[in-house]
Amino acid sequence: MNEMMKAVRLHEFGGPDVLHYEDAPRPMAKAGEVLVRIHAASLNPPDLYLRDGYRALPPEWQPHPTFPLILGTDVSGVVAAVGDEVGGISVGDEVFAMVRFPEDLMKGSGAYAEYVCVPESELALKPKGIDHVQAAGAPMSLLTVWQFLIDPGHDLPNPFQSFPHTPVPLKGRTVLVNGAGGGVGHLAVQVAKCKGARVIAVASGKHEALLRSLGADEFIDYTKGAAETAAHDVDLVIDAVGGPNMERFLSVIKQGGALFLINPLGFSGHDEAAHCAITVSSTQVRSNGAQLAEAARLLDNGTLHVVIDSTYPLAEASAAHRRASRGGLQGKVVLIV
């Protein structure tokens, strides 16, 4: 019989109150896997979408998982056991990872728990210069930025478009980040800046001081005026917000520039973009331990900082989801295990 652990499980789809802190079987590492004793796990938008049953998707795309399931992909912790065929990781190592994403997109990757099994290929050693809370806040947001701006890291088919996503040069270019205060946005500002771009951050006014401290050259408070009237001649717009009217950013982009959409669903400006020779592109973030290890060096030496909006004990995951659902996040919401 499996040993037990504490976890936050879902027995049905719904609002934050369907998250239950309870006993669950502790997983066992299979070949090629590592059992991680989790110290912290962060929230990401797919966690909220899955908890709700992906109701925004067409019915044929909605998940039909086997309950109960455990949400969450992003973890930082300590290796408790290793399976067969694991070579580079040892018991006691501090590690962080985005777990089995997007493979387990529709059934939960198991991060809201005391233990999780992670394929060795998805793990990286936790940067020594940051704590578990910051490390847990990094994986999905940082890999998203890395795969959009630096290197997709794979050549698998792109679920959002018929062509592969290709990053564009950043050095000496002007990059506008919409939604710059959030988990992906605040890291996009920093990565673009450290790659030599001039960065315009778009967020509400409460984020200005932080974003300037993270390297933003210019700040636009969207509550005081539209970004598309305040900015012009931009080489690249990264939209980390999504939703209606993403097309409005086409007017600020130079001919031959690019619009990268973190969530492209609902974008309807392809004809206008083609007319202006603007590349509109998106990609699906994927677990990648090697890229996380590369990015970890920048977290370790202080080039990149993970900003934490708030922390909650694992048992209060429903309160953490309520916080995330209210929006206006400054960085990441993290569960402490």
C-alpha atoms as a PDB file:
ATOM      1  CA  MET A   1       0.000   0.000   0.000  1.00  0.00           C
ATOM      2  CA  ASN A   2       1.194   3.511  -0.875  1.00  0.00           C
ATOM      3  CA  GLU A   3       2.151   5.876   1.905  1.00  0.00           C
ATOM      4  CA  MET A   4      -0.095   8.930   2.191  1.00  0.00           C
ATOM      5  CA  MET A   5       0.576  12.650   1.853  1.00  0.00           C
ATOM      6  CA  LYS A   6      -1.401  15.873   2.106  1.00  0.00           C
ATOM      7  CA  ALA A   7      -2.615  17.357  -1.178  1.00  0.00           C
ATOM      8  CA  VAL A   8      -5.198  19.773  -2.534  1.00  0.00           C
ATOM      9  CA  ARG A   9      -7.590  17.755  -4.687  1.00  0.00           C
ATOM     10  CA  LEU A  10     -10.461  18.479  -7.020  1.00  0.00           C
ATOM     11  CA  HIS A  11     -13.489  16.115  -7.027  1.00  0.00           C
ATOM     12  CA  GLU A  12     -15.528  18.267  -9.423  1.00  0.00           C
ATOM     13  CA  PHE A  13     -15.079  21.427 -11.494  1.00  0.00           C
ATOM     14  CA  GLY A  14     -16.162  24.765 -10.077  1.00  0.00           C
ATOM     15  CA  GLY A  15     -15.069  27.850  -8.128  1.00  0.00           C
ATOM     16  CA  PRO A  16     -12.230  28.055  -5.586  1.00  0.00           C
ATOM     17  CA  ASP A  17     -14.301  26.220  -2.970  1.00  0.00           C
ATOM     18  CA  VAL A  18     -13.996  22.903  -4.865  1.00  0.00           C
ATOM     19  CA  LEU A  19     -10.319  22.706  -3.791  1.00  0.00           C
ATOM     20  CA  HIS A  20     -10.047  20.296  -0.848  1.00  0.00           C
ATOM     21  CA  TYR A  21      -6.999  19.829   1.390  1.00  0.00           C
ATOM     22  CA  GLU A  22      -6.965  16.131   2.245  1.00  0.00           C
ATOM     23  CA  ASP A  23      -5.023  12.873   2.359  1.00  0.00           C
ATOM     24  CA  ALA A  24      -3.944  11.381  -0.979  1.00  0.00           C
ATOM     25  CA  PRO A  25      -1.694   8.480  -2.012  1.00  0.00           C
ATOM     26  CA  ARG A  26       1.949   9.486  -2.241  1.00  0.00           C
ATOM     27  CA  PRO A  27       3.317   8.863  -5.754  1.00  0.00           C
ATOM     28  CA  MET A  28       6.286   6.582  -6.436  1.00  0.00           C
ATOM     29  CA  ALA A  29       9.048   7.427  -8.899  1.00  0.00           C
ATOM     30  CA  LYS A  30       9.039   5.273 -12.043  1.00  0.00           C
ATOM     31  CA  ALA A  31      12.027   4.806 -14.346  1.00  0.00           C
ATOM     32  CA  GLY A  32      13.391   8.170 -15.443  1.00  0.00           C
ATOM     33  CA  GLU A  33      11.461  10.007 -12.708  1.00  0.00           C
ATOM     34  CA  VAL A  34      12.409  11.789  -9.511  1.00  0.00           C
ATOM     35  CA  LEU A  35      10.218  12.062  -6.390  1.00  0.00           C
ATOM     36  CA  VAL A  36      10.326  15.655  -5.120  1.00  0.00           C
ATOM     37  CA  ARG A  37       9.347  16.690  -1.600  1.00  0.00           C
ATOM     38  CA  ILE A  38       7.680  19.999  -2.465  1.00  0.00           C
ATOM     39  CA  HIS A  39       8.511  23.112  -0.431  1.00  0.00           C
ATOM     40  CA  ALA A  40       6.521  25.577  -2.588  1.00  0.00           C
ATOM     41  CA  ALA A  41       4.229  25.515  -5.627  1.00  0.00           C
ATOM     42  CA  SER A  42       2.991  28.484  -7.646  1.00  0.00           C
ATOM     43  CA  LEU A  43      -0.318  29.264  -9.323  1.00  0.00           C
ATOM     44  CA  ASN A  44      -0.608  29.774 -13.084  1.00  0.00           C
ATOM     45  CA  PRO A  45      -3.615  30.616 -15.297  1.00  0.00           C
ATOM     46  CA  PRO A  46      -4.040  26.989 -16.501  1.00  0.00           C
ATOM     47  CA  ASP A  47      -4.648  25.974 -12.865  1.00  0.00           C
ATOM     48  CA  LEU A  48      -7.633  28.328 -12.704  1.00  0.00           C
ATOM     49  CA  TYR A  49      -8.920  27.245 -16.119  1.00  0.00           C
ATOM     50  CA  LEU A  50      -8.715  23.539 -15.241  1.00  0.00           C
ATOM     51  CA  ARG A  51     -10.337  24.017 -11.824  1.00  0.00           C
ATOM     52  CA  ASP A  52     -13.229  25.649 -13.687  1.00  0.00           C
ATOM     53  CA  GLY A  53     -13.356  22.846 -16.290  1.00  0.00           C
ATOM     54  CA  TYR A  54     -12.017  25.036 -19.129  1.00  0.00           C
ATOM     55  CA  ARG A  55     -15.555  26.369 -19.581  1.00  0.00           C
ATOM     56  CA  ALA A  56     -14.349  29.044 -22.025  1.00  0.00           C
ATOM     57  CA  LEU A  57     -13.378  26.339 -24.532  1.00  0.00           C
ATOM     58  CA  PRO A  58     -15.806  24.726 -27.010  1.00  0.00           C
ATOM     59  CA  PRO A  59     -17.483  21.665 -25.412  1.00  0.00           C
ATOM     60  CA  GLU A  60     -15.530  19.213 -27.584  1.00  0.00           C
ATOM     61  CA  TRP A  61     -12.243  20.606 -26.212  1.00  0.00           C
ATOM     62  CA  GLN A  62     -13.280  20.543 -22.562  1.00  0.00           C
ATOM     63  CA  PRO A  63     -11.537  17.986 -20.311  1.00  0.00           C
ATOM     64  CA  HIS A  64     -13.140  14.794 -19.024  1.00  0.00           C
ATOM     65  CA  PRO A  65     -10.582  13.715 -16.432  1.00  0.00           C
ATOM     66  CA  THR A  66     -10.779  11.043 -13.795  1.00  0.00           C
ATOM     67  CA  PHE A  67     -11.430  12.671 -10.410  1.00  0.00           C
ATOM     68  CA  PRO A  68      -9.963  13.302  -7.944  1.00  0.00           C
ATOM     69  CA  LEU A  69      -7.126  15.265  -9.549  1.00  0.00           C
ATOM     70  CA  ILE A  70      -4.350  17.491  -8.228  1.00  0.00           C
ATOM     71  CA  LEU A  71      -3.752  20.855  -9.922  1.00  0.00           C
ATOM     72  CA  GLY A  72      -0.478  22.700 -10.408  1.00  0.00           C
ATOM     73  CA  THR A  73       2.684  22.478 -12.478  1.00  0.00           C
ATOM     74  CA  ASP A  74       5.323  24.691 -10.828  1.00  0.00           C
ATOM     75  CA  VAL A  75       7.340  23.325  -7.906  1.00  0.00           C
ATOM     76  CA  SER A  76      10.501  23.856  -5.928  1.00  0.00           C
ATOM     77  CA  GLY A  77      11.680  21.298  -3.407  1.00  0.00           C
ATOM     78  CA  VAL A  78      14.151  18.588  -2.451  1.00  0.00           C
ATOM     79  CA  VAL A  79      14.708  15.226  -4.135  1.00  0.00           C
ATOM     80  CA  ALA A  80      13.298  12.500  -1.852  1.00  0.00           C
ATOM     81  CA  ALA A  81      13.898   9.468  -4.114  1.00  0.00           C
ATOM     82  CA  VAL A  82      15.050   8.666  -7.638  1.00  0.00           C
ATOM     83  CA  GLY A  83      13.715   6.030 -10.015  1.00  0.00           C
ATOM     84  CA  ASP A  84      15.750   3.699 -12.199  1.00  0.00           C
ATOM     85  CA  GLU A  85      17.648   5.243 -15.127  1.00  0.00           C
ATOM     86  CA  VAL A  86      18.081   8.594 -13.357  1.00  0.00           C
ATOM     87  CA  GLY A  87      21.678   9.758 -13.663  1.00  0.00           C
ATOM     88  CA  GLY A  88      22.187  13.454 -13.019  1.00  0.00           C
ATOM     89  CA  ILE A  89      20.078  14.046  -9.895  1.00  0.00           C
ATOM     90  CA  SER A  90      20.625  12.731  -6.367  1.00  0.00           C
ATOM     91  CA  VAL A  91      18.571  12.446  -3.180  1.00  0.00           C
ATOM     92  CA  GLY A  92      18.893  15.696  -1.231  1.00  0.00           C
ATOM     93  CA  ASP A  93      19.360  17.943  -4.291  1.00  0.00           C
ATOM     94  CA  GLU A  94      17.285  21.126  -4.304  1.00  0.00           C
ATOM     95  CA  VAL A  95      15.402  21.298  -7.616  1.00  0.00           C
ATOM     96  CA  PHE A  96      12.643  23.192  -9.421  1.00  0.00           C
ATOM     97  CA  ALA A  97      10.477  22.309 -12.418  1.00  0.00           C
ATOM     98  CA  MET A  98       7.376  22.809 -14.513  1.00  0.00           C
ATOM     99  CA  VAL A  99       5.841  19.325 -14.309  1.00  0.00           C
ATOM    100  CA  ARG A 100       4.537  17.462 -17.388  1.00  0.00           C
ATOM    101  CA  PHE A 101       3.159  20.458 -19.267  1.00  0.00           C
ATOM    102  CA  PRO A 102       1.274  20.499 -21.595  1.00  0.00           C
ATOM    103  CA  GLU A 103       0.988  16.684 -21.441  1.00  0.00           C
ATOM    104  CA  ASP A 104      -1.112  16.875 -18.260  1.00  0.00           C
ATOM    105  CA  LEU A 105      -2.837  20.155 -19.219  1.00  0.00           C
ATOM    106  CA  MET A 106      -6.322  18.611 -18.889  1.00  0.00           C
ATOM    107  CA  LYS A 107      -5.794  16.357 -15.869  1.00  0.00           C
ATOM    108  CA  GLY A 108      -3.489  18.254 -13.496  1.00  0.00           C
ATOM    109  CA  SER A 109       0.235  17.750 -12.997  1.00  0.00           C
ATOM    110  CA  GLY A 110       0.080  17.169  -9.248  1.00  0.00           C
ATOM    111  CA  ALA A 111       1.963  20.151  -7.803  1.00  0.00           C
ATOM    112  CA  TYR A 112      -0.480  21.183  -5.043  1.00  0.00           C
ATOM    113  CA  ALA A 113       0.811  18.429  -2.764  1.00  0.00           C
ATOM    114  CA  GLU A 114       3.617  17.375  -0.427  1.00  0.00           C
ATOM    115  CA  TYR A 115       5.212  15.167  -3.104  1.00  0.00           C
ATOM    116  CA  VAL A 116       5.221  14.932  -6.881  1.00  0.00           C
ATOM    117  CA  CYS A 117       7.006  12.717  -9.435  1.00  0.00           C
ATOM    118  CA  VAL A 118       8.845  14.631 -12.139  1.00  0.00           C
ATOM    119  CA  PRO A 119      10.622  13.317 -15.255  1.00  0.00           C
ATOM    120  CA  GLU A 120      14.357  13.964 -14.811  1.00  0.00           C
ATOM    121  CA  SER A 121      14.424  15.817 -18.154  1.00  0.00           C
ATOM    122  CA  GLU A 122      12.090  18.493 -16.741  1.00  0.00           C
ATOM    123  CA  LEU A 123      14.112  19.251 -13.597  1.00  0.00           C
ATOM    124  CA  ALA A 124      16.837  21.797 -12.961  1.00  0.00           C
ATOM    125  CA  LEU A 125      18.872  22.453  -9.828  1.00  0.00           C
ATOM    126  CA  LYS A 126      17.322  25.298  -7.846  1.00  0.00           C
ATOM    127  CA  PRO A 127      19.435  28.462  -7.997  1.00  0.00           C
ATOM    128  CA  LYS A 128      21.281  28.767  -4.676  1.00  0.00           C
ATOM    129  CA  GLY A 129      20.748  32.532  -4.608  1.00  0.00           C
ATOM    130  CA  ILE A 130      16.953  32.357  -4.261  1.00  0.00           C
ATOM    131  CA  ASP A 131      14.573  30.578  -1.894  1.00  0.00           C
ATOM    132  CA  HIS A 132      11.999  27.896  -2.687  1.00  0.00           C
ATOM    133  CA  VAL A 133       9.151  30.430  -2.897  1.00  0.00           C
ATOM    134  CA  GLN A 134      10.882  32.453  -5.611  1.00  0.00           C
ATOM    135  CA  ALA A 135      12.046  29.296  -7.402  1.00  0.00           C
ATOM    136  CA  ALA A 136       8.491  27.911  -7.423  1.00  0.00           C
ATOM    137  CA  GLY A 137       7.273  31.186  -8.915  1.00  0.00           C
ATOM    138  CA  ALA A 138       9.604  30.899 -11.896  1.00  0.00           C
ATOM    139  CA  PRO A 139       9.086  27.807 -14.090  1.00  0.00           C
ATOM    140  CA  MET A 140       5.983  28.338 -16.258  1.00  0.00           C
ATOM    141  CA  SER A 141       6.293  32.127 -16.463  1.00  0.00           C
ATOM    142  CA  LEU A 142      10.032  32.052 -17.164  1.00  0.00           C
ATOM    143  CA  LEU A 143       9.838  29.178 -19.669  1.00  0.00           C
ATOM    144  CA  THR A 144       7.019  31.010 -21.458  1.00  0.00           C
ATOM    145  CA  VAL A 145       9.194  34.111 -21.814  1.00  0.00           C
ATOM    146  CA  TRP A 146      12.258  32.043 -22.772  1.00  0.00           C
ATOM    147  CA  GLN A 147      10.413  30.057 -25.450  1.00  0.00           C
ATOM    148  CA  PHE A 148       8.753  33.167 -26.913  1.00  0.00           C
ATOM    149  CA  LEU A 149      11.802  35.451 -26.836  1.00  0.00           C
ATOM    150  CA  ILE A 150      14.961  33.294 -26.814  1.00  0.00           C
ATOM    151  CA  ASP A 151      14.447  29.722 -28.049  1.00  0.00           C
ATOM    152  CA  PRO A 152      11.300  27.565 -28.449  1.00  0.00           C
ATOM    153  CA  GLY A 153      13.425  24.585 -27.386  1.00  0.00           C
ATOM    154  CA  HIS A 154      11.683  21.988 -29.587  1.00  0.00           C
ATOM    155  CA  ASP A 155      10.407  21.431 -33.126  1.00  0.00           C
ATOM    156  CA  LEU A 156       7.033  19.881 -32.305  1.00  0.00           C
ATOM    157  CA  PRO A 157       3.938  21.068 -34.228  1.00  0.00           C
ATOM    158  CA  ASN A 158       2.529  24.395 -33.018  1.00  0.00           C
ATOM    159  CA  PRO A 159      -1.097  23.981 -31.831  1.00  0.00           C
ATOM    160  CA  PHE A 160      -1.855  27.680 -32.432  1.00  0.00           C
ATOM    161  CA  GLN A 161      -0.623  28.138 -36.012  1.00  0.00           C
ATOM    162  CA  SER A 162       0.621  26.304 -39.097  1.00  0.00           C
ATOM    163  CA  PHE A 163       4.197  27.645 -38.862  1.00  0.00           C
ATOM    164  CA  PRO A 164       6.805  27.319 -36.082  1.00  0.00           C
ATOM    165  CA  HIS A 165       7.233  30.210 -33.667  1.00  0.00           C
ATOM    166  CA  THR A 166      10.519  32.031 -34.251  1.00  0.00           C
ATOM    167  CA  PRO A 167      11.925  34.579 -31.770  1.00  0.00           C
ATOM    168  CA  VAL A 168      13.123  37.908 -33.192  1.00  0.00           C
ATOM    169  CA  PRO A 169      16.370  39.799 -32.431  1.00  0.00           C
ATOM    170  CA  LEU A 170      16.061  41.943 -29.287  1.00  0.00           C
ATOM    171  CA  LYS A 171      19.357  43.843 -29.116  1.00  0.00           C
ATOM    172  CA  GLY A 172      18.786  47.499 -29.979  1.00  0.00           C
ATOM    173  CA  ARG A 173      15.054  46.934 -30.624  1.00  0.00           C
ATOM    174  CA  THR A 174      12.065  48.497 -28.885  1.00  0.00           C
ATOM    175  CA  VAL A 175       9.853  45.968 -27.114  1.00  0.00           C
ATOM    176  CA  LEU A 176       6.462  46.765 -25.562  1.00  0.00           C
ATOM    177  CA  VAL A 177       5.197  44.373 -22.865  1.00  0.00           C
ATOM    178  CA  ASN A 178       1.444  44.507 -22.208  1.00  0.00           C
ATOM    179  CA  GLY A 179       0.463  43.137 -18.788  1.00  0.00           C
ATOM    180  CA  ALA A 180       3.959  43.866 -17.493  1.00  0.00           C
ATOM    181  CA  GLY A 181       3.037  43.568 -13.796  1.00  0.00           C
ATOM    182  CA  GLY A 182       1.943  39.927 -13.941  1.00  0.00           C
ATOM    183  CA  GLY A 183       3.829  36.646 -13.695  1.00  0.00           C
ATOM    184  CA  VAL A 184       4.849  36.416 -17.358  1.00  0.00           C
ATOM    185  CA  GLY A 185       4.987  40.172 -17.968  1.00  0.00           C
ATOM    186  CA  HIS A 186       7.467  41.143 -15.248  1.00  0.00           C
ATOM    187  CA  LEU A 187       9.873  38.453 -16.455  1.00  0.00           C
ATOM    188  CA  ALA A 188       9.405  39.441 -20.118  1.00  0.00           C
ATOM    189  CA  VAL A 189      10.471  42.994 -19.192  1.00  0.00           C
ATOM    190  CA  GLN A 190      13.643  41.655 -17.553  1.00  0.00           C
ATOM    191  CA  VAL A 191      14.583  39.131 -20.258  1.00  0.00           C
ATOM    192  CA  ALA A 192      14.066  41.675 -23.061  1.00  0.00           C
ATOM    193  CA  LYS A 193      16.143  44.212 -21.133  1.00  0.00           C
ATOM    194  CA  CYS A 194      19.016  41.834 -20.421  1.00  0.00           C
ATOM    195  CA  LYS A 195      19.090  40.910 -24.136  1.00  0.00           C
ATOM    196  CA  GLY A 196      19.645  44.559 -25.043  1.00  0.00           C
ATOM    197  CA  ALA A 197      16.156  45.833 -25.872  1.00  0.00           C
ATOM    198  CA  ARG A 198      14.596  49.168 -24.974  1.00  0.00           C
ATOM    199  CA  VAL A 199      11.520  48.163 -22.990  1.00  0.00           C
ATOM    200  CA  ILE A 200       8.133  49.869 -22.677  1.00  0.00           C
ATOM    201  CA  ALA A 201       6.055  48.382 -19.837  1.00  0.00           C
ATOM    202  CA  VAL A 202       2.243  48.662 -19.906  1.00  0.00           C
ATOM    203  CA  ALA A 203       0.423  48.077 -16.603  1.00  0.00           C
ATOM    204  CA  SER A 204      -1.675  49.924 -14.027  1.00  0.00           C
ATOM    205  CA  GLY A 205       0.050  52.738 -12.132  1.00  0.00           C
ATOM    206  CA  LYS A 206       0.650  50.721  -8.944  1.00  0.00           C
ATOM    207  CA  HIS A 207       3.285  48.675 -10.819  1.00  0.00           C
ATOM    208  CA  GLU A 208       5.346  51.606 -12.145  1.00  0.00           C
ATOM    209  CA  ALA A 209       8.044  51.784  -9.452  1.00  0.00           C
ATOM    210  CA  LEU A 210       8.598  48.018  -9.537  1.00  0.00           C
ATOM    211  CA  LEU A 211       8.784  47.803 -13.330  1.00  0.00           C
ATOM    212  CA  ARG A 212      11.207  50.703 -13.590  1.00  0.00           C
ATOM    213  CA  SER A 213      13.372  48.989 -10.959  1.00  0.00           C
ATOM    214  CA  LEU A 214      13.299  45.822 -13.112  1.00  0.00           C
ATOM    215  CA  GLY A 215      14.606  47.726 -16.122  1.00  0.00           C
ATOM    216  CA  ALA A 216      11.629  49.250 -17.948  1.00  0.00           C
ATOM    217  CA  ASP A 217      12.806  52.328 -19.898  1.00  0.00           C
ATOM    218  CA  GLU A 218       9.305  53.716 -20.293  1.00  0.00           C
ATOM    219  CA  PHE A 219       6.040  53.084 -18.449  1.00  0.00           C
ATOM    220  CA  ILE A 220       2.476  53.461 -19.731  1.00  0.00           C
ATOM    221  CA  ASP A 221      -0.367  53.453 -17.183  1.00  0.00           C
ATOM    222  CA  TYR A 222      -3.228  51.993 -19.213  1.00  0.00           C
ATOM    223  CA  THR A 223      -5.772  53.341 -16.701  1.00  0.00           C
ATOM    224  CA  LYS A 224      -4.809  56.890 -17.765  1.00  0.00           C
ATOM    225  CA  GLY A 225      -4.522  56.396 -21.510  1.00  0.00           C
ATOM    226  CA  ALA A 226      -4.478  53.698 -24.155  1.00  0.00           C
ATOM    227  CA  ALA A 227      -1.098  52.125 -24.894  1.00  0.00           C
ATOM    228  CA  GLU A 228      -1.815  52.220 -28.618  1.00  0.00           C
ATOM    229  CA  THR A 229      -2.001  56.024 -28.561  1.00  0.00           C
ATOM    230  CA  ALA A 230       1.020  56.503 -26.262  1.00  0.00           C
ATOM    231  CA  ALA A 231       3.463  54.203 -28.093  1.00  0.00           C
ATOM    232  CA  HIS A 232       4.633  54.085 -31.711  1.00  0.00           C
ATOM    233  CA  ASP A 233       7.404  52.595 -33.887  1.00  0.00           C
ATOM    234  CA  VAL A 234       7.732  49.483 -31.731  1.00  0.00           C
ATOM    235  CA  ASP A 235       9.624  46.468 -33.117  1.00  0.00           C
ATOM    236  CA  LEU A 236       7.876  43.859 -30.976  1.00  0.00           C
ATOM    237  CA  VAL A 237       4.775  43.788 -28.783  1.00  0.00           C
ATOM    238  CA  ILE A 238       4.431  40.928 -26.279  1.00  0.00           C
ATOM    239  CA  ASP A 239       0.817  40.720 -25.110  1.00  0.00           C
ATOM    240  CA  ALA A 240       0.589  38.804 -21.835  1.00  0.00           C
ATOM    241  CA  VAL A 241      -3.067  39.742 -21.241  1.00  0.00           C
ATOM    242  CA  GLY A 242      -5.087  38.316 -24.153  1.00  0.00           C
ATOM    243  CA  GLY A 243      -8.836  38.737 -24.398  1.00  0.00           C
ATOM    244  CA  PRO A 244     -10.754  41.025 -26.764  1.00  0.00           C
ATOM    245  CA  ASN A 245      -9.169  43.580 -29.083  1.00  0.00           C
ATOM    246  CA  MET A 246      -5.567  42.359 -29.183  1.00  0.00           C
ATOM    247  CA  GLU A 247      -5.573  43.794 -32.745  1.00  0.00           C
ATOM    248  CA  ARG A 248      -5.214  47.313 -31.319  1.00  0.00           C
ATOM    249  CA  PHE A 249      -1.461  46.778 -30.895  1.00  0.00           C
ATOM    250  CA  LEU A 250      -0.897  46.419 -34.634  1.00  0.00           C
ATOM    251  CA  SER A 251      -1.047  50.223 -34.989  1.00  0.00           C
ATOM    252  CA  VAL A 252       2.022  50.742 -32.744  1.00  0.00           C
ATOM    253  CA  ILE A 253       4.246  48.198 -34.530  1.00  0.00           C
ATOM    254  CA  LYS A 254       6.682  49.153 -37.304  1.00  0.00           C
ATOM    255  CA  GLN A 255       6.256  47.574 -40.721  1.00  0.00           C
ATOM    256  CA  GLY A 256       8.084  44.249 -40.568  1.00  0.00           C
ATOM    257  CA  GLY A 257       7.749  44.048 -36.777  1.00  0.00           C
ATOM    258  CA  ALA A 258       6.085  41.362 -34.679  1.00  0.00           C
ATOM    259  CA  LEU A 259       3.202  40.776 -32.266  1.00  0.00           C
ATOM    260  CA  PHE A 260       3.671  37.836 -29.893  1.00  0.00           C
ATOM    261  CA  LEU A 261       0.462  36.648 -28.204  1.00  0.00           C
ATOM    262  CA  ILE A 262       0.809  34.606 -25.011  1.00  0.00           C
ATOM    263  CA  ASN A 263      -2.883  33.656 -25.348  1.00  0.00           C
ATOM    264  CA  PRO A 264      -3.874  34.092 -29.016  1.00  0.00           C
ATOM    265  CA  LEU A 265      -7.461  32.810 -28.751  1.00  0.00           C
ATOM    266  CA  GLY A 266      -9.790  35.453 -30.161  1.00  0.00           C
ATOM    267  CA  PHE A 267      -7.234  37.416 -32.200  1.00  0.00           C
ATOM    268  CA  SER A 268      -8.866  38.566 -35.449  1.00  0.00           C
ATOM    269  CA  GLY A 269      -6.331  40.919 -37.015  1.00  0.00           C
ATOM    270  CA  HIS A 270      -4.466  38.556 -39.328  1.00  0.00           C
ATOM    271  CA  ASP A 271      -5.449  40.375 -42.542  1.00  0.00           C
ATOM    272  CA  GLU A 272      -4.434  43.760 -41.161  1.00  0.00           C
ATOM    273  CA  ALA A 273      -1.148  42.285 -39.876  1.00  0.00           C
ATOM    274  CA  ALA A 274      -0.360  40.751 -43.278  1.00  0.00           C
ATOM    275  CA  HIS A 275      -1.069  44.105 -44.966  1.00  0.00           C
ATOM    276  CA  CYS A 276       1.514  45.772 -42.661  1.00  0.00           C
ATOM    277  CA  ALA A 277       4.004  42.858 -42.939  1.00  0.00           C
ATOM    278  CA  ILE A 278       3.700  42.252 -39.189  1.00  0.00           C
ATOM    279  CA  THR A 279       4.364  38.713 -37.967  1.00  0.00           C
ATOM    280  CA  VAL A 280       1.723  37.534 -35.471  1.00  0.00           C
ATOM    281  CA  SER A 281       2.922  34.463 -33.601  1.00  0.00           C
ATOM    282  CA  SER A 282       2.304  32.310 -30.550  1.00  0.00           C
ATOM    283  CA  THR A 283       3.584  29.055 -29.105  1.00  0.00           C
ATOM    284  CA  GLN A 284       2.679  26.458 -26.467  1.00  0.00           C
ATOM    285  CA  VAL A 285       5.003  26.545 -23.453  1.00  0.00           C
ATOM    286  CA  ARG A 286       6.581  23.144 -22.751  1.00  0.00           C
ATOM    287  CA  SER A 287       8.458  21.649 -19.810  1.00  0.00           C
ATOM    288  CA  ASN A 288      12.202  21.848 -20.421  1.00  0.00           C
ATOM    289  CA  GLY A 289      14.782  21.193 -17.706  1.00  0.00           C
ATOM    290  CA  ALA A 290      17.750  22.296 -19.846  1.00  0.00           C
ATOM    291  CA  GLN A 291      16.210  25.717 -20.514  1.00  0.00           C
ATOM    292  CA  LEU A 292      15.280  26.074 -16.853  1.00  0.00           C
ATOM    293  CA  ALA A 293      18.910  25.354 -15.931  1.00  0.00           C
ATOM    294  CA  GLU A 294      20.076  28.030 -18.385  1.00  0.00           C
ATOM    295  CA  ALA A 295      17.621  30.578 -16.984  1.00  0.00           C
ATOM    296  CA  ALA A 296      18.558  29.542 -13.429  1.00  0.00           C
ATOM    297  CA  ARG A 297      21.990  31.112 -13.894  1.00  0.00           C
ATOM    298  CA  LEU A 298      20.309  34.482 -14.463  1.00  0.00           C
ATOM    299  CA  LEU A 299      18.158  33.988 -11.346  1.00  0.00           C
ATOM    300  CA  ASP A 300      21.239  32.985  -9.378  1.00  0.00           C
ATOM    301  CA  ASN A 301      23.350  36.021 -10.334  1.00  0.00           C
ATOM    302  CA  GLY A 302      20.506  38.509  -9.810  1.00  0.00           C
ATOM    303  CA  THR A 303      19.978  39.408 -13.489  1.00  0.00           C
ATOM    304  CA  LEU A 304      16.388  38.146 -13.190  1.00  0.00           C
ATOM    305  CA  HIS A 305      14.114  38.516 -10.154  1.00  0.00           C
ATOM    306  CA  VAL A 306      10.882  36.608  -9.503  1.00  0.00           C
ATOM    307  CA  VAL A 307       8.408  38.969  -7.838  1.00  0.00           C
ATOM    308  CA  ILE A 308       5.992  37.360  -5.371  1.00  0.00           C
ATOM    309  CA  ASP A 309       2.501  38.849  -5.108  1.00  0.00           C
ATOM    310  CA  SER A 310       1.433  36.792  -2.089  1.00  0.00           C
ATOM    311  CA  THR A 311       1.914  33.438  -0.355  1.00  0.00           C
ATOM    312  CA  TYR A 312      -0.592  31.030   1.205  1.00  0.00           C
ATOM    313  CA  PRO A 313      -0.247  27.740   3.096  1.00  0.00           C
ATOM    314  CA  LEU A 314      -1.090  24.725   0.911  1.00  0.00           C
ATOM    315  CA  ALA A 315      -4.232  24.147   3.014  1.00  0.00           C
ATOM    316  CA  GLU A 316      -5.499  27.597   1.893  1.00  0.00           C
ATOM    317  CA  ALA A 317      -5.261  26.944  -1.848  1.00  0.00           C
ATOM    318  CA  SER A 318      -8.859  28.088  -2.331  1.00  0.00           C
ATOM    319  CA  ALA A 319      -7.953  31.512  -0.856  1.00  0.00           C
ATOM    320  CA  ALA A 320      -4.930  31.653  -3.176  1.00  0.00           C
ATOM    321  CA  HIS A 321      -7.216  30.954  -6.159  1.00  0.00           C
ATOM    322  CA  ARG A 322      -9.574  33.710  -5.042  1.00  0.00           C
ATOM    323  CA  ARG A 323      -6.605  36.109  -4.928  1.00  0.00           C
ATOM    324  CA  ALA A 324      -5.465  35.074  -8.424  1.00  0.00           C
ATOM    325  CA  SER A 325      -8.999  35.385  -9.810  1.00  0.00           C
ATOM    326  CA  ARG A 326      -9.298  38.998  -8.598  1.00  0.00           C
ATOM    327  CA  GLY A 327      -6.498  40.002 -10.982  1.00  0.00           C
ATOM    328  CA  GLY A 328      -4.141  42.944 -10.599  1.00  0.00           C
ATOM    329  CA  LEU A 329      -1.364  40.559  -9.567  1.00  0.00           C
ATOM    330  CA  GLN A 330       2.149  41.868  -9.051  1.00  0.00           C
ATOM    331  CA  GLY A 331       4.196  38.791  -9.874  1.00  0.00           C
ATOM    332  CA  LYS A 332       3.220  35.323  -8.659  1.00  0.00           C
ATOM    333  CA  VAL A 333       0.934  33.735  -6.061  1.00  0.00           C
ATOM    334  CA  VAL A 334       2.723  30.871  -4.280  1.00  0.00           C
ATOM    335  CA  LEU A 335       1.582  28.034  -2.020  1.00  0.00           C
ATOM    336  CA  ILE A 336       3.943  27.111   0.824  1.00  0.00           C
ATOM    337  CA  VAL A 337       3.923  23.392   1.515  1.00  0.00           C
END
